[in-house]
Amino acid sequence: MVVSYDKLLMLTHSSSYQAPNHRRDSILIVSDILSCATRGAGKCEIMYKVGLSSAQLNKYLVLLLKSELLIASNYDKKSLYKTSDKGKNFLETFETLAKLLD
């Protein structure tokens, strides 16, 4: 499998790195969401910190909840999202890979 230089850069840099076409890879977005939700966060907080539209966030939340990387709970009549143990494992693995490629 051949990995392009841009993909390698995106894996080794923080999410503030913008590829030449100004799009982030979905794995970086997932990583950013999981990082934001490690202590628990609401939808708006995640949306603004990660820089996603409401529609984009909803798409990723469904994916992350279904794959059990995020846990949703209700707190004071609003949803709170928290990174699961499986999600924390994902983040650790992602960070390890990024360091190896650096």
PDB file of N, CA and C in Angstrom:
ATOM      1  N   MET A   1       0.842  -1.180   0.000  1.00  0.00           N
ATOM      2  CA  MET A   1       0.000   0.000   0.000  1.00  0.00           C
ATOM      3  C   MET A   1       0.884   1.240   0.000  1.00  0.00           C
ATOM      4  N   VAL A   2       0.638   2.166  -0.894  1.00  0.00           N
ATOM      5  CA  VAL A   2       1.402   3.396  -0.987  1.00  0.00           C
ATOM      6  C   VAL A   2       0.629   4.498  -0.276  1.00  0.00           C
ATOM      7  N   VAL A   3       1.320   5.200   0.623  1.00  0.00           N
ATOM      8  CA  VAL A   3       0.703   6.299   1.354  1.00  0.00           C
ATOM      9  C   VAL A   3       1.295   7.591   0.822  1.00  0.00           C
ATOM     10  N   SER A   4       0.434   8.537   0.462  1.00  0.00           N
ATOM     11  CA  SER A   4       0.927   9.794  -0.097  1.00  0.00           C
ATOM     12  C   SER A   4       1.593  10.635   0.986  1.00  0.00           C
ATOM     13  N   TYR A   5       2.425  11.550   0.551  1.00  0.00           N
ATOM     14  CA  TYR A   5       3.128  12.450   1.460  1.00  0.00           C
ATOM     15  C   TYR A   5       2.138  13.269   2.280  1.00  0.00           C
ATOM     16  N   ASP A   6       1.061  13.758   1.645  1.00  0.00           N
ATOM     17  CA  ASP A   6       0.054  14.541   2.360  1.00  0.00           C
ATOM     18  C   ASP A   6      -0.598  13.735   3.477  1.00  0.00           C
ATOM     19  N   LYS A   7      -0.876  12.451   3.220  1.00  0.00           N
ATOM     20  CA  LYS A   7      -1.475  11.601   4.253  1.00  0.00           C
ATOM     21  C   LYS A   7      -0.516  11.426   5.419  1.00  0.00           C
ATOM     22  N   LEU A   8       0.765  11.230   5.119  1.00  0.00           N
ATOM     23  CA  LEU A   8       1.752  11.104   6.188  1.00  0.00           C
ATOM     24  C   LEU A   8       1.824  12.376   7.013  1.00  0.00           C
ATOM     25  N   LEU A   9       1.818  13.514   6.352  1.00  0.00           N
ATOM     26  CA  LEU A   9       1.844  14.786   7.076  1.00  0.00           C
ATOM     27  C   LEU A   9       0.630  14.932   7.975  1.00  0.00           C
ATOM     28  N   MET A  10      -0.530  14.529   7.460  1.00  0.00           N
ATOM     29  CA  MET A  10      -1.746  14.663   8.253  1.00  0.00           C
ATOM     30  C   MET A  10      -1.714  13.748   9.472  1.00  0.00           C
ATOM     31  N   LEU A  11      -1.077  12.608   9.364  1.00  0.00           N
ATOM     32  CA  LEU A  11      -0.985  11.700  10.501  1.00  0.00           C
ATOM     33  C   LEU A  11       0.018  12.193  11.539  1.00  0.00           C
ATOM     34  N   THR A  12       1.050  12.882  11.091  1.00  0.00           N
ATOM     35  CA  THR A  12       2.118  13.258  12.017  1.00  0.00           C
ATOM     36  C   THR A  12       1.939  14.641  12.615  1.00  0.00           C
ATOM     37  N   HIS A  13       1.003  15.400  12.136  1.00  0.00           N
ATOM     38  CA  HIS A  13       0.781  16.738  12.671  1.00  0.00           C
ATOM     39  C   HIS A  13      -0.575  16.801  13.357  1.00  0.00           C
ATOM     40  N   SER A  14      -0.758  17.851  14.130  1.00  0.00           N
ATOM     41  CA  SER A  14      -2.038  18.013  14.816  1.00  0.00           C
ATOM     42  C   SER A  14      -3.126  18.334  13.806  1.00  0.00           C
ATOM     43  N   SER A  15      -4.354  18.396  14.274  1.00  0.00           N
ATOM     44  CA  SER A  15      -5.470  18.642  13.375  1.00  0.00           C
ATOM     45  C   SER A  15      -5.443  20.041  12.792  1.00  0.00           C
ATOM     46  N   SER A  16      -4.555  20.910  13.297  1.00  0.00           N
ATOM     47  CA  SER A  16      -4.475  22.249  12.734  1.00  0.00           C
ATOM     48  C   SER A  16      -3.815  22.230  11.364  1.00  0.00           C
ATOM     49  N   TYR A  17      -3.148  21.117  11.010  1.00  0.00           N
ATOM     50  CA  TYR A  17      -2.563  20.984   9.687  1.00  0.00           C
ATOM     51  C   TYR A  17      -3.680  20.905   8.656  1.00  0.00           C
ATOM     52  N   GLN A  18      -3.562  21.691   7.628  1.00  0.00           N
ATOM     53  CA  GLN A  18      -4.544  21.661   6.553  1.00  0.00           C
ATOM     54  C   GLN A  18      -3.872  21.160   5.287  1.00  0.00           C
ATOM     55  N   ALA A  19      -4.414  20.146   4.716  1.00  0.00           N
ATOM     56  CA  ALA A  19      -3.897  19.632   3.449  1.00  0.00           C
ATOM     57  C   ALA A  19      -4.060  20.707   2.385  1.00  0.00           C
ATOM     58  N   PRO A  20      -3.345  20.596   1.286  1.00  0.00           N
ATOM     59  CA  PRO A  20      -3.437  21.614   0.246  1.00  0.00           C
ATOM     60  C   PRO A  20      -4.862  21.923  -0.213  1.00  0.00           C
ATOM     61  N   ASN A  21      -5.750  20.965  -0.154  1.00  0.00           N
ATOM     62  CA  ASN A  21      -7.140  21.227  -0.543  1.00  0.00           C
ATOM     63  C   ASN A  21      -7.995  21.668   0.648  1.00  0.00           C
ATOM     64  N   HIS A  22      -7.353  21.954   1.786  1.00  0.00           N
ATOM     65  CA  HIS A  22      -8.000  22.458   3.005  1.00  0.00           C
ATOM     66  C   HIS A  22      -9.017  21.500   3.607  1.00  0.00           C
ATOM     67  N   ARG A  23      -8.793  20.212   3.422  1.00  0.00           N
ATOM     68  CA  ARG A  23      -9.675  19.208   4.002  1.00  0.00           C
ATOM     69  C   ARG A  23      -8.889  18.332   4.952  1.00  0.00           C
ATOM     70  N   ARG A  24      -9.515  18.018   6.076  1.00  0.00           N
ATOM     71  CA  ARG A  24      -8.897  17.102   7.028  1.00  0.00           C
ATOM     72  C   ARG A  24      -9.326  15.684   6.705  1.00  0.00           C
ATOM     73  N   ASP A  25      -8.452  14.771   7.000  1.00  0.00           N
ATOM     74  CA  ASP A  25      -8.760  13.358   6.840  1.00  0.00           C
ATOM     75  C   ASP A  25      -9.746  12.970   7.940  1.00  0.00           C
ATOM     76  N   SER A  26     -10.646  12.039   7.645  1.00  0.00           N
ATOM     77  CA  SER A  26     -11.659  11.658   8.636  1.00  0.00           C
ATOM     78  C   SER A  26     -11.040  11.044   9.891  1.00  0.00           C
ATOM     79  N   ILE A  27      -9.880  10.403   9.766  1.00  0.00           N
ATOM     80  CA  ILE A  27      -9.249   9.824  10.950  1.00  0.00           C
ATOM     81  C   ILE A  27      -8.799  10.926  11.915  1.00  0.00           C
ATOM     82  N   LEU A  28      -8.374  12.065  11.375  1.00  0.00           N
ATOM     83  CA  LEU A  28      -8.009  13.203  12.217  1.00  0.00           C
ATOM     84  C   LEU A  28      -9.238  13.794  12.898  1.00  0.00           C
ATOM     85  N   ILE A  29     -10.332  13.858  12.190  1.00  0.00           N
ATOM     86  CA  ILE A  29     -11.569  14.382  12.771  1.00  0.00           C
ATOM     87  C   ILE A  29     -12.026  13.474  13.901  1.00  0.00           C
ATOM     88  N   VAL A  30     -11.976  12.168  13.678  1.00  0.00           N
ATOM     89  CA  VAL A  30     -12.344  11.210  14.734  1.00  0.00           C
ATOM     90  C   VAL A  30     -11.435  11.405  15.944  1.00  0.00           C
ATOM     91  N   SER A  31     -10.153  11.533  15.707  1.00  0.00           N
ATOM     92  CA  SER A  31      -9.195  11.744  16.789  1.00  0.00           C
ATOM     93  C   SER A  31      -9.497  13.038  17.554  1.00  0.00           C
ATOM     94  N   ASP A  32      -9.807  14.101  16.829  1.00  0.00           N
ATOM     95  CA  ASP A  32     -10.132  15.379  17.475  1.00  0.00           C
ATOM     96  C   ASP A  32     -11.393  15.276  18.327  1.00  0.00           C
ATOM     97  N   ILE A  33     -12.404  14.592  17.815  1.00  0.00           N
ATOM     98  CA  ILE A  33     -13.653  14.428  18.571  1.00  0.00           C
ATOM     99  C   ILE A  33     -13.391  13.631  19.844  1.00  0.00           C
ATOM    100  N   LEU A  34     -12.671  12.523  19.713  1.00  0.00           N
ATOM    101  CA  LEU A  34     -12.381  11.692  20.884  1.00  0.00           C
ATOM    102  C   LEU A  34     -11.537  12.448  21.903  1.00  0.00           C
ATOM    103  N   SER A  35     -10.592  13.242  21.447  1.00  0.00           N
ATOM    104  CA  SER A  35      -9.765  14.043  22.359  1.00  0.00           C
ATOM    105  C   SER A  35     -10.607  15.077  23.090  1.00  0.00           C
ATOM    106  N   CYS A  36     -11.509  15.694  22.374  1.00  0.00           N
ATOM    107  CA  CYS A  36     -12.377  16.715  22.970  1.00  0.00           C
ATOM    108  C   CYS A  36     -13.311  16.117  24.019  1.00  0.00           C
ATOM    109  N   ALA A  37     -13.710  14.874  23.817  1.00  0.00           N
ATOM    110  CA  ALA A  37     -14.704  14.241  24.692  1.00  0.00           C
ATOM    111  C   ALA A  37     -14.086  13.389  25.799  1.00  0.00           C
ATOM    112  N   THR A  38     -12.786  13.458  26.030  1.00  0.00           N
ATOM    113  CA  THR A  38     -12.174  12.594  27.041  1.00  0.00           C
ATOM    114  C   THR A  38     -12.746  12.848  28.436  1.00  0.00           C
ATOM    115  N   ARG A  39     -13.080  14.071  28.750  1.00  0.00           N
ATOM    116  CA  ARG A  39     -13.660  14.391  30.068  1.00  0.00           C
ATOM    117  C   ARG A  39     -15.162  14.595  30.007  1.00  0.00           C
ATOM    118  N   GLY A  40     -15.710  14.402  28.814  1.00  0.00           N
ATOM    119  CA  GLY A  40     -17.140  14.618  28.619  1.00  0.00           C
ATOM    120  C   GLY A  40     -17.375  15.996  28.018  1.00  0.00           C
ATOM    121  N   ALA A  41     -18.206  16.060  26.999  1.00  0.00           N
ATOM    122  CA  ALA A  41     -18.493  17.326  26.327  1.00  0.00           C
ATOM    123  C   ALA A  41     -19.853  17.250  25.659  1.00  0.00           C
ATOM    124  N   GLY A  42     -20.490  18.383  25.550  1.00  0.00           N
ATOM    125  CA  GLY A  42     -21.758  18.475  24.846  1.00  0.00           C
ATOM    126  C   GLY A  42     -21.532  18.622  23.352  1.00  0.00           C
ATOM    127  N   LYS A  43     -22.612  18.527  22.618  1.00  0.00           N
ATOM    128  CA  LYS A  43     -22.545  18.605  21.164  1.00  0.00           C
ATOM    129  C   LYS A  43     -21.952  19.936  20.679  1.00  0.00           C
ATOM    130  N   CYS A  44     -22.424  21.029  21.248  1.00  0.00           N
ATOM    131  CA  CYS A  44     -21.942  22.353  20.813  1.00  0.00           C
ATOM    132  C   CYS A  44     -20.455  22.521  21.082  1.00  0.00           C
ATOM    133  N   GLU A  45     -20.013  22.093  22.239  1.00  0.00           N
ATOM    134  CA  GLU A  45     -18.596  22.196  22.583  1.00  0.00           C
ATOM    135  C   GLU A  45     -17.728  21.425  21.588  1.00  0.00           C
ATOM    136  N   ILE A  46     -18.130  20.211  21.291  1.00  0.00           N
ATOM    137  CA  ILE A  46     -17.378  19.397  20.329  1.00  0.00           C
ATOM    138  C   ILE A  46     -17.402  20.060  18.953  1.00  0.00           C
ATOM    139  N   MET A  47     -18.577  20.512  18.536  1.00  0.00           N
ATOM    140  CA  MET A  47     -18.735  21.105  17.213  1.00  0.00           C
ATOM    141  C   MET A  47     -17.800  22.313  17.040  1.00  0.00           C
ATOM    142  N   TYR A  48     -17.739  23.195  18.034  1.00  0.00           N
ATOM    143  CA  TYR A  48     -16.917  24.389  17.907  1.00  0.00           C
ATOM    144  C   TYR A  48     -15.432  24.115  18.082  1.00  0.00           C
ATOM    145  N   LYS A  49     -15.080  23.242  19.024  1.00  0.00           N
ATOM    146  CA  LYS A  49     -13.666  22.947  19.237  1.00  0.00           C
ATOM    147  C   LYS A  49     -13.042  22.191  18.071  1.00  0.00           C
ATOM    148  N   VAL A  50     -13.816  21.307  17.456  1.00  0.00           N
ATOM    149  CA  VAL A  50     -13.301  20.491  16.360  1.00  0.00           C
ATOM    150  C   VAL A  50     -13.491  21.195  15.011  1.00  0.00           C
ATOM    151  N   GLY A  51     -14.399  22.164  14.956  1.00  0.00           N
ATOM    152  CA  GLY A  51     -14.611  22.921  13.730  1.00  0.00           C
ATOM    153  C   GLY A  51     -15.441  22.186  12.698  1.00  0.00           C
ATOM    154  N   LEU A  52     -16.574  21.651  13.145  1.00  0.00           N
ATOM    155  CA  LEU A  52     -17.462  20.910  12.253  1.00  0.00           C
ATOM    156  C   LEU A  52     -18.823  21.590  12.188  1.00  0.00           C
ATOM    157  N   SER A  53     -19.530  21.344  11.108  1.00  0.00           N
ATOM    158  CA  SER A  53     -20.922  21.784  11.034  1.00  0.00           C
ATOM    159  C   SER A  53     -21.765  20.801  11.844  1.00  0.00           C
ATOM    160  N   SER A  54     -22.995  21.181  12.087  1.00  0.00           N
ATOM    161  CA  SER A  54     -23.896  20.312  12.833  1.00  0.00           C
ATOM    162  C   SER A  54     -24.124  18.991  12.086  1.00  0.00           C
ATOM    163  N   ALA A  55     -24.287  19.069  10.786  1.00  0.00           N
ATOM    164  CA  ALA A  55     -24.516  17.863   9.981  1.00  0.00           C
ATOM    165  C   ALA A  55     -23.297  16.945  10.010  1.00  0.00           C
ATOM    166  N   GLN A  56     -22.105  17.520   9.898  1.00  0.00           N
ATOM    167  CA  GLN A  56     -20.883  16.715   9.952  1.00  0.00           C
ATOM    168  C   GLN A  56     -20.741  16.048  11.312  1.00  0.00           C
ATOM    169  N   LEU A  57     -20.977  16.826  12.374  1.00  0.00           N
ATOM    170  CA  LEU A  57     -20.848  16.280  13.721  1.00  0.00           C
ATOM    171  C   LEU A  57     -21.819  15.119  13.925  1.00  0.00           C
ATOM    172  N   ASN A  58     -23.048  15.296  13.500  1.00  0.00           N
ATOM    173  CA  ASN A  58     -24.049  14.229  13.652  1.00  0.00           C
ATOM    174  C   ASN A  58     -23.598  12.945  12.963  1.00  0.00           C
ATOM    175  N   LYS A  59     -23.026  13.088  11.766  1.00  0.00           N
ATOM    176  CA  LYS A  59     -22.538  11.925  11.016  1.00  0.00           C
ATOM    177  C   LYS A  59     -21.453  11.197  11.812  1.00  0.00           C
ATOM    178  N   TYR A  60     -20.514  11.954  12.362  1.00  0.00           N
ATOM    179  CA  TYR A  60     -19.424  11.342  13.121  1.00  0.00           C
ATOM    180  C   TYR A  60     -19.904  10.778  14.456  1.00  0.00           C
ATOM    181  N   LEU A  61     -20.838  11.452  15.116  1.00  0.00           N
ATOM    182  CA  LEU A  61     -21.348  10.933  16.392  1.00  0.00           C
ATOM    183  C   LEU A  61     -22.023   9.581  16.202  1.00  0.00           C
ATOM    184  N   VAL A  62     -22.817   9.450  15.144  1.00  0.00           N
ATOM    185  CA  VAL A  62     -23.471   8.169  14.860  1.00  0.00           C
ATOM    186  C   VAL A  62     -22.412   7.084  14.674  1.00  0.00           C
ATOM    187  N   LEU A  63     -21.390   7.380  13.882  1.00  0.00           N
ATOM    188  CA  LEU A  63     -20.314   6.433  13.620  1.00  0.00           C
ATOM    189  C   LEU A  63     -19.571   6.050  14.904  1.00  0.00           C
ATOM    190  N   LEU A  64     -19.228   7.037  15.720  1.00  0.00           N
ATOM    191  CA  LEU A  64     -18.455   6.785  16.945  1.00  0.00           C
ATOM    192  C   LEU A  64     -19.271   6.074  18.017  1.00  0.00           C
ATOM    193  N   LEU A  65     -20.548   6.387  18.098  1.00  0.00           N
ATOM    194  CA  LEU A  65     -21.415   5.696  19.063  1.00  0.00           C
ATOM    195  C   LEU A  65     -21.629   4.244  18.635  1.00  0.00           C
ATOM    196  N   LYS A  66     -21.841   4.039  17.344  1.00  0.00           N
ATOM    197  CA  LYS A  66     -22.067   2.697  16.815  1.00  0.00           C
ATOM    198  C   LYS A  66     -20.832   1.813  17.007  1.00  0.00           C
ATOM    199  N   SER A  67     -19.649   2.395  16.848  1.00  0.00           N
ATOM    200  CA  SER A  67     -18.410   1.627  17.002  1.00  0.00           C
ATOM    201  C   SER A  67     -17.921   1.599  18.452  1.00  0.00           C
ATOM    202  N   GLU A  68     -18.705   2.177  19.352  1.00  0.00           N
ATOM    203  CA  GLU A  68     -18.441   2.175  20.791  1.00  0.00           C
ATOM    204  C   GLU A  68     -17.137   2.891  21.171  1.00  0.00           C
ATOM    205  N   LEU A  69     -16.759   3.887  20.380  1.00  0.00           N
ATOM    206  CA  LEU A  69     -15.610   4.719  20.732  1.00  0.00           C
ATOM    207  C   LEU A  69     -16.048   5.890  21.606  1.00  0.00           C
ATOM    208  N   LEU A  70     -17.333   6.222  21.552  1.00  0.00           N
ATOM    209  CA  LEU A  70     -17.950   7.269  22.382  1.00  0.00           C
ATOM    210  C   LEU A  70     -19.123   6.677  23.143  1.00  0.00           C
ATOM    211  N   ILE A  71     -19.388   7.266  24.286  1.00  0.00           N
ATOM    212  CA  ILE A  71     -20.547   6.888  25.098  1.00  0.00           C
ATOM    213  C   ILE A  71     -21.398   8.138  25.269  1.00  0.00           C
ATOM    214  N   ALA A  72     -22.703   8.017  25.082  1.00  0.00           N
ATOM    215  CA  ALA A  72     -23.616   9.138  25.276  1.00  0.00           C
ATOM    216  C   ALA A  72     -24.390   8.928  26.568  1.00  0.00           C
ATOM    217  N   SER A  73     -24.538   9.999  27.317  1.00  0.00           N
ATOM    218  CA  SER A  73     -25.363   9.947  28.525  1.00  0.00           C
ATOM    219  C   SER A  73     -26.136  11.254  28.625  1.00  0.00           C
ATOM    220  N   ASN A  74     -27.211  11.239  29.381  1.00  0.00           N
ATOM    221  CA  ASN A  74     -28.001  12.444  29.566  1.00  0.00           C
ATOM    222  C   ASN A  74     -27.645  13.090  30.890  1.00  0.00           C
ATOM    223  N   TYR A  75     -27.413  14.383  30.849  1.00  0.00           N
ATOM    224  CA  TYR A  75     -27.101  15.144  32.047  1.00  0.00           C
ATOM    225  C   TYR A  75     -27.861  16.451  31.973  1.00  0.00           C
ATOM    226  N   ASP A  76     -28.739  16.674  32.913  1.00  0.00           N
ATOM    227  CA  ASP A  76     -29.519  17.908  32.982  1.00  0.00           C
ATOM    228  C   ASP A  76     -30.243  18.191  31.656  1.00  0.00           C
ATOM    229  N   LYS A  77     -30.922  17.192  31.128  1.00  0.00           N
ATOM    230  CA  LYS A  77     -31.738  17.262  29.914  1.00  0.00           C
ATOM    231  C   LYS A  77     -30.945  17.492  28.627  1.00  0.00           C
ATOM    232  N   LYS A  78     -29.628  17.284  28.657  1.00  0.00           N
ATOM    233  CA  LYS A  78     -28.877  17.378  27.407  1.00  0.00           C
ATOM    234  C   LYS A  78     -27.878  16.235  27.325  1.00  0.00           C
ATOM    235  N   SER A  79     -27.529  15.873  26.118  1.00  0.00           N
ATOM    236  CA  SER A  79     -26.608  14.754  25.906  1.00  0.00           C
ATOM    237  C   SER A  79     -25.172  15.166  26.192  1.00  0.00           C
ATOM    238  N   LEU A  80     -24.475  14.281  26.849  1.00  0.00           N
ATOM    239  CA  LEU A  80     -23.064  14.469  27.135  1.00  0.00           C
ATOM    240  C   LEU A  80     -22.328  13.290  26.517  1.00  0.00           C
ATOM    241  N   TYR A  81     -21.283  13.581  25.770  1.00  0.00           N
ATOM    242  CA  TYR A  81     -20.518  12.538  25.084  1.00  0.00           C
ATOM    243  C   TYR A  81     -19.171  12.387  25.751  1.00  0.00           C
ATOM    244  N   LYS A  82     -18.799  11.136  25.983  1.00  0.00           N
ATOM    245  CA  LYS A  82     -17.544  10.842  26.659  1.00  0.00           C
ATOM    246  C   LYS A  82     -16.822   9.732  25.910  1.00  0.00           C
ATOM    247  N   THR A  83     -15.505   9.880  25.795  1.00  0.00           N
ATOM    248  CA  THR A  83     -14.689   8.871  25.128  1.00  0.00           C
ATOM    249  C   THR A  83     -14.686   7.595  25.970  1.00  0.00           C
ATOM    250  N   SER A  84     -14.984   6.486  25.336  1.00  0.00           N
ATOM    251  CA  SER A  84     -14.996   5.192  26.028  1.00  0.00           C
ATOM    252  C   SER A  84     -13.568   4.679  26.193  1.00  0.00           C
ATOM    253  N   ASP A  85     -13.423   3.581  26.920  1.00  0.00           N
ATOM    254  CA  ASP A  85     -12.098   2.960  27.060  1.00  0.00           C
ATOM    255  C   ASP A  85     -11.567   2.534  25.694  1.00  0.00           C
ATOM    256  N   LYS A  86     -12.453   2.022  24.865  1.00  0.00           N
ATOM    257  CA  LYS A  86     -12.077   1.627  23.509  1.00  0.00           C
ATOM    258  C   LYS A  86     -11.602   2.858  22.713  1.00  0.00           C
ATOM    259  N   GLY A  87     -12.276   3.992  22.916  1.00  0.00           N
ATOM    260  CA  GLY A  87     -11.890   5.235  22.255  1.00  0.00           C
ATOM    261  C   GLY A  87     -10.546   5.750  22.750  1.00  0.00           C
ATOM    262  N   LYS A  88     -10.296   5.613  24.052  1.00  0.00           N
ATOM    263  CA  LYS A  88      -8.998   6.024  24.613  1.00  0.00           C
ATOM    264  C   LYS A  88      -7.881   5.152  24.048  1.00  0.00           C
ATOM    265  N   ASN A  89      -8.174   3.873  23.871  1.00  0.00           N
ATOM    266  CA  ASN A  89      -7.225   2.958  23.243  1.00  0.00           C
ATOM    267  C   ASN A  89      -6.915   3.402  21.819  1.00  0.00           C
ATOM    268  N   PHE A  90      -7.951   3.784  21.090  1.00  0.00           N
ATOM    269  CA  PHE A  90      -7.786   4.292  19.730  1.00  0.00           C
ATOM    270  C   PHE A  90      -6.867   5.505  19.720  1.00  0.00           C
ATOM    271  N   LEU A  91      -7.106   6.454  20.637  1.00  0.00           N
ATOM    272  CA  LEU A  91      -6.284   7.667  20.705  1.00  0.00           C
ATOM    273  C   LEU A  91      -4.825   7.341  20.997  1.00  0.00           C
ATOM    274  N   GLU A  92      -4.589   6.443  21.937  1.00  0.00           N
ATOM    275  CA  GLU A  92      -3.212   6.052  22.273  1.00  0.00           C
ATOM    276  C   GLU A  92      -2.516   5.425  21.060  1.00  0.00           C
ATOM    277  N   THR A  93      -3.224   4.553  20.366  1.00  0.00           N
ATOM    278  CA  THR A  93      -2.659   3.906  19.183  1.00  0.00           C
ATOM    279  C   THR A  93      -2.380   4.932  18.089  1.00  0.00           C
ATOM    280  N   PHE A  94      -3.301   5.849  17.881  1.00  0.00           N
ATOM    281  CA  PHE A  94      -3.137   6.892  16.873  1.00  0.00           C
ATOM    282  C   PHE A  94      -1.909   7.758  17.186  1.00  0.00           C
ATOM    283  N   GLU A  95      -1.754   8.144  18.450  1.00  0.00           N
ATOM    284  CA  GLU A  95      -0.620   8.973  18.853  1.00  0.00           C
ATOM    285  C   GLU A  95       0.697   8.207  18.679  1.00  0.00           C
ATOM    286  N   THR A  96       0.698   6.926  19.003  1.00  0.00           N
ATOM    287  CA  THR A  96       1.890   6.099  18.827  1.00  0.00           C
ATOM    288  C   THR A  96       2.283   6.034  17.351  1.00  0.00           C
ATOM    289  N   LEU A  97       1.309   5.807  16.484  1.00  0.00           N
ATOM    290  CA  LEU A  97       1.581   5.762  15.039  1.00  0.00           C
ATOM    291  C   LEU A  97       2.112   7.103  14.533  1.00  0.00           C
ATOM    292  N   ALA A  98       1.519   8.193  15.009  1.00  0.00           N
ATOM    293  CA  ALA A  98       1.967   9.524  14.582  1.00  0.00           C
ATOM    294  C   ALA A  98       3.422   9.759  14.994  1.00  0.00           C
ATOM    295  N   LYS A  99       3.786   9.319  16.202  1.00  0.00           N
ATOM    296  CA  LYS A  99       5.172   9.483  16.671  1.00  0.00           C
ATOM    297  C   LYS A  99       6.127   8.626  15.850  1.00  0.00           C
ATOM    298  N   LEU A 100       5.719   7.427  15.504  1.00  0.00           N
ATOM    299  CA  LEU A 100       6.554   6.548  14.691  1.00  0.00           C
ATOM    300  C   LEU A 100       6.825   7.134  13.311  1.00  0.00           C
ATOM    301  N   LEU A 101       5.848   7.835  12.773  1.00  0.00           N
ATOM    302  CA  LEU A 101       5.982   8.405  11.444  1.00  0.00           C
ATOM    303  C   LEU A 101       6.696   9.762  11.450  1.00  0.00           C
ATOM    304  N   ASP A 102       6.920  10.297  12.622  1.00  0.00           N
ATOM    305  CA  ASP A 102       7.537  11.619  12.732  1.00  0.00           C
ATOM    306  C   ASP A 102       9.015  11.589  12.442  1.00  0.00           C
TER     307      ASP A 102
END
